Amino acid sequence: MTREKKPFKFYLLIFVFSALIVIAYTLYEVLARDTPVSDVYAMWLMPFLFTFFYWGSDALILKFSKRKKKVDYEAKFLDDISKRMRDSQEFLVEEFRRLQINSKFQEDLRKAYQIHQEGETEVFNIQKLERKYKKGTIEKRAMKHVIEYLKENKELPITE
């Protein structure tokens, strides 16, 4: 559930509704029970207090729920690559599942993310990823999309 800041109109309606309830109760007490007005005038503060506490609690909840959320760049990277692979329509669902459980391929995806984030080094470079798999394998076809993505986004490394 996403928390949103409620408009001023919302709190105004709460105030009006609670004020109507207090006015109705005051009229009932004064007219039906012959209670002096001095005994019920303290109730007139209730709409103000109720609305203020409602607004304050909403503000606190919004503040705590909207703490700066850290962006997961690795998940975004993987989502971009999987979207590219889905759009190509080269892979079946079973092939996606096989790639997910292939630990060697997943490790190479982590290396690709490292290249994307920090740039190429002697240990992590695109050429090693290109030569890693045999032609015709699912991993080679998938790695082709990863490498294309890395080459297209080479100029824009992610900085946190």
C-alpha atoms as a PDB file:
ATOM      1  CA  MET A   1       0.000   0.000   0.000  1.00  0.00           C
ATOM      2  CA  THR A   2       1.481   3.318  -1.023  1.00  0.00           C
ATOM      3  CA  ARG A   3       1.124   6.204   1.334  1.00  0.00           C
ATOM      4  CA  GLU A   4       0.228   9.527  -0.225  1.00  0.00           C
ATOM      5  CA  LYS A   5      -0.151  12.971   1.211  1.00  0.00           C
ATOM      6  CA  LYS A   6      -3.842  13.636   1.695  1.00  0.00           C
ATOM      7  CA  PRO A   7      -5.215  16.915   0.359  1.00  0.00           C
ATOM      8  CA  PHE A   8      -6.300  19.774   2.595  1.00  0.00           C
ATOM      9  CA  LYS A   9      -9.901  19.123   1.520  1.00  0.00           C
ATOM     10  CA  PHE A  10      -9.771  15.708   3.236  1.00  0.00           C
ATOM     11  CA  TYR A  11      -8.864  17.220   6.609  1.00  0.00           C
ATOM     12  CA  LEU A  12     -11.422  19.983   6.118  1.00  0.00           C
ATOM     13  CA  LEU A  13     -14.126  17.344   5.606  1.00  0.00           C
ATOM     14  CA  ILE A  14     -13.026  15.528   8.754  1.00  0.00           C
ATOM     15  CA  PHE A  15     -13.182  18.789  10.681  1.00  0.00           C
ATOM     16  CA  VAL A  16     -16.643  19.640   9.325  1.00  0.00           C
ATOM     17  CA  PHE A  17     -17.983  16.146  10.014  1.00  0.00           C
ATOM     18  CA  SER A  18     -16.652  16.083  13.588  1.00  0.00           C
ATOM     19  CA  ALA A  19     -17.919  19.647  14.178  1.00  0.00           C
ATOM     20  CA  LEU A  20     -21.406  18.586  13.047  1.00  0.00           C
ATOM     21  CA  ILE A  21     -21.320  15.671  15.471  1.00  0.00           C
ATOM     22  CA  VAL A  22     -20.269  17.953  18.343  1.00  0.00           C
ATOM     23  CA  ILE A  23     -22.948  20.515  17.444  1.00  0.00           C
ATOM     24  CA  ALA A  24     -25.618  17.792  17.314  1.00  0.00           C
ATOM     25  CA  TYR A  25     -24.471  16.433  20.687  1.00  0.00           C
ATOM     26  CA  THR A  26     -24.441  19.938  22.207  1.00  0.00           C
ATOM     27  CA  LEU A  27     -27.967  20.630  20.935  1.00  0.00           C
ATOM     28  CA  TYR A  28     -29.177  17.302  22.301  1.00  0.00           C
ATOM     29  CA  GLU A  29     -27.661  17.967  25.723  1.00  0.00           C
ATOM     30  CA  VAL A  30     -28.938  21.544  25.931  1.00  0.00           C
ATOM     31  CA  LEU A  31     -32.430  20.983  24.527  1.00  0.00           C
ATOM     32  CA  ALA A  32     -33.307  17.436  25.614  1.00  0.00           C
ATOM     33  CA  ARG A  33     -31.519  17.174  28.954  1.00  0.00           C
ATOM     34  CA  ASP A  34     -31.511  20.849  29.980  1.00  0.00           C
ATOM     35  CA  THR A  35     -27.730  20.752  30.481  1.00  0.00           C
ATOM     36  CA  PRO A  36     -26.149  24.194  30.862  1.00  0.00           C
ATOM     37  CA  VAL A  37     -23.977  25.291  27.924  1.00  0.00           C
ATOM     38  CA  SER A  38     -21.020  25.780  30.258  1.00  0.00           C
ATOM     39  CA  ASP A  39     -20.938  22.001  30.821  1.00  0.00           C
ATOM     40  CA  VAL A  40     -20.595  21.152  27.121  1.00  0.00           C
ATOM     41  CA  TYR A  41     -18.520  23.997  25.675  1.00  0.00           C
ATOM     42  CA  ALA A  42     -15.305  22.012  26.304  1.00  0.00           C
ATOM     43  CA  MET A  43     -16.549  19.571  23.658  1.00  0.00           C
ATOM     44  CA  TRP A  44     -16.199  22.324  21.024  1.00  0.00           C
ATOM     45  CA  LEU A  45     -12.433  21.841  21.084  1.00  0.00           C
ATOM     46  CA  MET A  46     -12.779  18.215  19.998  1.00  0.00           C
ATOM     47  CA  PRO A  47     -13.068  18.831  16.202  1.00  0.00           C
ATOM     48  CA  PHE A  48      -9.879  20.911  16.296  1.00  0.00           C
ATOM     49  CA  LEU A  49      -7.981  18.358  18.378  1.00  0.00           C
ATOM     50  CA  PHE A  50      -9.254  15.376  16.429  1.00  0.00           C
ATOM     51  CA  THR A  51      -8.375  16.928  13.064  1.00  0.00           C
ATOM     52  CA  PHE A  52      -4.957  18.055  14.325  1.00  0.00           C
ATOM     53  CA  PHE A  53      -4.084  14.600  15.678  1.00  0.00           C
ATOM     54  CA  TYR A  54      -5.321  12.937  12.500  1.00  0.00           C
ATOM     55  CA  TRP A  55      -3.188  15.278  10.366  1.00  0.00           C
ATOM     56  CA  GLY A  56      -0.171  14.820  12.686  1.00  0.00           C
ATOM     57  CA  SER A  57      -0.349  11.042  12.645  1.00  0.00           C
ATOM     58  CA  ASP A  58      -0.686  11.018   8.847  1.00  0.00           C
ATOM     59  CA  ALA A  59       2.316  13.347   8.557  1.00  0.00           C
ATOM     60  CA  LEU A  60       4.424  11.097  10.809  1.00  0.00           C
ATOM     61  CA  ILE A  61       3.445   7.917   8.988  1.00  0.00           C
ATOM     62  CA  LEU A  62       4.185   9.579   5.638  1.00  0.00           C
ATOM     63  CA  LYS A  63       7.565  10.774   6.883  1.00  0.00           C
ATOM     64  CA  PHE A  64       8.592   7.317   8.107  1.00  0.00           C
ATOM     65  CA  SER A  65       7.265   5.494   5.053  1.00  0.00           C
ATOM     66  CA  LYS A  66       8.941   7.867   2.612  1.00  0.00           C
ATOM     67  CA  ARG A  67      12.435   7.471   3.948  1.00  0.00           C
ATOM     68  CA  LYS A  68      14.920   7.564   1.158  1.00  0.00           C
ATOM     69  CA  LYS A  69      14.775   4.177  -0.445  1.00  0.00           C
ATOM     70  CA  LYS A  70      17.997   2.886  -1.891  1.00  0.00           C
ATOM     71  CA  VAL A  71      17.724   2.103  -5.583  1.00  0.00           C
ATOM     72  CA  ASP A  72      18.741  -1.432  -6.470  1.00  0.00           C
ATOM     73  CA  TYR A  73      20.835  -0.800  -9.563  1.00  0.00           C
ATOM     74  CA  GLU A  74      21.664  -4.465 -10.000  1.00  0.00           C
ATOM     75  CA  ALA A  75      17.982  -5.391 -10.196  1.00  0.00           C
ATOM     76  CA  LYS A  76      17.440  -2.577 -12.700  1.00  0.00           C
ATOM     77  CA  PHE A  77      20.372  -3.870 -14.756  1.00  0.00           C
ATOM     78  CA  LEU A  78      18.949  -7.411 -14.745  1.00  0.00           C
ATOM     79  CA  ASP A  79      15.466  -6.135 -15.598  1.00  0.00           C
ATOM     80  CA  ASP A  80      16.816  -4.212 -18.579  1.00  0.00           C
ATOM     81  CA  ILE A  81      18.638  -7.271 -19.883  1.00  0.00           C
ATOM     82  CA  SER A  82      15.671  -9.603 -19.352  1.00  0.00           C
ATOM     83  CA  LYS A  83      13.395  -7.106 -21.125  1.00  0.00           C
ATOM     84  CA  ARG A  84      15.827  -7.009 -24.040  1.00  0.00           C
ATOM     85  CA  MET A  85      15.856 -10.819 -24.167  1.00  0.00           C
ATOM     86  CA  ARG A  86      12.049 -11.042 -24.005  1.00  0.00           C
ATOM     87  CA  ASP A  87      11.661  -8.437 -26.745  1.00  0.00           C
ATOM     88  CA  SER A  88      13.963 -10.426 -29.027  1.00  0.00           C
ATOM     89  CA  GLN A  89      11.625 -13.447 -28.731  1.00  0.00           C
ATOM     90  CA  GLU A  90      14.589 -15.790 -29.139  1.00  0.00           C
ATOM     91  CA  PHE A  91      14.032 -17.631 -25.871  1.00  0.00           C
ATOM     92  CA  LEU A  92      11.405 -20.000 -24.578  1.00  0.00           C
ATOM     93  CA  VAL A  93      10.207 -19.933 -20.990  1.00  0.00           C
ATOM     94  CA  GLU A  94      12.109 -23.141 -20.263  1.00  0.00           C
ATOM     95  CA  GLU A  95      15.302 -21.532 -21.520  1.00  0.00           C
ATOM     96  CA  PHE A  96      14.826 -18.594 -19.171  1.00  0.00           C
ATOM     97  CA  ARG A  97      14.413 -21.038 -16.300  1.00  0.00           C
ATOM     98  CA  ARG A  98      17.542 -22.928 -17.311  1.00  0.00           C
ATOM     99  CA  LEU A  99      19.498 -19.683 -17.389  1.00  0.00           C
ATOM    100  CA  GLN A 100      18.201 -18.811 -13.912  1.00  0.00           C
ATOM    101  CA  ILE A 101      19.456 -22.044 -12.375  1.00  0.00           C
ATOM    102  CA  ASN A 102      22.749 -22.037 -14.269  1.00  0.00           C
ATOM    103  CA  SER A 103      25.195 -20.833 -11.618  1.00  0.00           C
ATOM    104  CA  LYS A 104      27.981 -20.229 -14.129  1.00  0.00           C
ATOM    105  CA  PHE A 105      25.770 -17.930 -16.197  1.00  0.00           C
ATOM    106  CA  GLN A 106      24.507 -16.126 -13.088  1.00  0.00           C
ATOM    107  CA  GLU A 107      28.107 -15.520 -11.994  1.00  0.00           C
ATOM    108  CA  ASP A 108      28.862 -14.087 -15.426  1.00  0.00           C
ATOM    109  CA  LEU A 109      25.841 -11.797 -15.083  1.00  0.00           C
ATOM    110  CA  ARG A 110      27.339 -10.513 -11.823  1.00  0.00           C
ATOM    111  CA  LYS A 111      30.601  -9.900 -13.653  1.00  0.00           C
ATOM    112  CA  ALA A 112      28.707  -8.069 -16.410  1.00  0.00           C
ATOM    113  CA  TYR A 113      27.053  -5.886 -13.789  1.00  0.00           C
ATOM    114  CA  GLN A 114      30.458  -5.144 -12.301  1.00  0.00           C
ATOM    115  CA  ILE A 115      31.696  -4.116 -15.760  1.00  0.00           C
ATOM    116  CA  HIS A 116      28.611  -1.966 -16.206  1.00  0.00           C
ATOM    117  CA  GLN A 117      29.056  -0.302 -12.845  1.00  0.00           C
ATOM    118  CA  GLU A 118      32.806   0.165 -12.607  1.00  0.00           C
ATOM    119  CA  GLY A 119      34.029  -0.201 -16.181  1.00  0.00           C
ATOM    120  CA  GLU A 120      36.318  -2.825 -17.654  1.00  0.00           C
ATOM    121  CA  THR A 121      39.376  -4.095 -15.815  1.00  0.00           C
ATOM    122  CA  GLU A 122      41.889  -6.838 -16.517  1.00  0.00           C
ATOM    123  CA  VAL A 123      39.812  -9.307 -14.525  1.00  0.00           C
ATOM    124  CA  PHE A 124      36.362  -8.168 -15.719  1.00  0.00           C
ATOM    125  CA  ASN A 125      36.130  -7.338 -19.407  1.00  0.00           C
ATOM    126  CA  ILE A 126      33.701  -7.827 -22.250  1.00  0.00           C
ATOM    127  CA  GLN A 127      36.053  -9.934 -24.374  1.00  0.00           C
ATOM    128  CA  LYS A 128      36.263 -12.639 -21.695  1.00  0.00           C
ATOM    129  CA  LEU A 129      32.476 -12.778 -21.513  1.00  0.00           C
ATOM    130  CA  GLU A 130      32.210 -13.034 -25.312  1.00  0.00           C
ATOM    131  CA  ARG A 131      34.584 -16.008 -25.502  1.00  0.00           C
ATOM    132  CA  LYS A 132      33.202 -17.837 -22.460  1.00  0.00           C
ATOM    133  CA  TYR A 133      30.478 -20.001 -24.062  1.00  0.00           C
ATOM    134  CA  LYS A 134      30.318 -22.320 -27.080  1.00  0.00           C
ATOM    135  CA  LYS A 135      28.429 -21.227 -30.180  1.00  0.00           C
ATOM    136  CA  GLY A 136      24.848 -22.372 -30.389  1.00  0.00           C
ATOM    137  CA  THR A 137      24.267 -22.641 -26.644  1.00  0.00           C
ATOM    138  CA  ILE A 138      21.526 -20.809 -24.796  1.00  0.00           C
ATOM    139  CA  GLU A 139      24.112 -19.100 -22.643  1.00  0.00           C
ATOM    140  CA  LYS A 140      25.935 -17.742 -25.727  1.00  0.00           C
ATOM    141  CA  ARG A 141      22.695 -16.327 -27.147  1.00  0.00           C
ATOM    142  CA  ALA A 142      21.814 -14.755 -23.803  1.00  0.00           C
ATOM    143  CA  MET A 143      25.331 -13.396 -23.294  1.00  0.00           C
ATOM    144  CA  LYS A 144      25.067 -11.749 -26.726  1.00  0.00           C
ATOM    145  CA  HIS A 145      22.224  -9.579 -25.337  1.00  0.00           C
ATOM    146  CA  VAL A 146      24.184  -8.822 -22.176  1.00  0.00           C
ATOM    147  CA  ILE A 147      27.237  -7.739 -24.183  1.00  0.00           C
ATOM    148  CA  GLU A 148      25.140  -5.586 -26.513  1.00  0.00           C
ATOM    149  CA  TYR A 149      23.642  -3.888 -23.477  1.00  0.00           C
ATOM    150  CA  LEU A 150      27.089  -3.324 -21.976  1.00  0.00           C
ATOM    151  CA  LYS A 151      28.406  -1.830 -25.212  1.00  0.00           C
ATOM    152  CA  GLU A 152      25.389   0.472 -25.608  1.00  0.00           C
ATOM    153  CA  ASN A 153      25.600   1.708 -22.009  1.00  0.00           C
ATOM    154  CA  LYS A 154      29.380   1.861 -21.749  1.00  0.00           C
ATOM    155  CA  GLU A 155      29.507   5.653 -21.505  1.00  0.00           C
ATOM    156  CA  LEU A 156      27.053   5.829 -18.617  1.00  0.00           C
ATOM    157  CA  PRO A 157      28.433   3.904 -15.628  1.00  0.00           C
ATOM    158  CA  ILE A 158      26.103   3.859 -12.655  1.00  0.00           C
ATOM    159  CA  THR A 159      27.250   5.957  -9.733  1.00  0.00           C
ATOM    160  CA  GLU A 160      25.605   5.808  -6.367  1.00  0.00           C
END
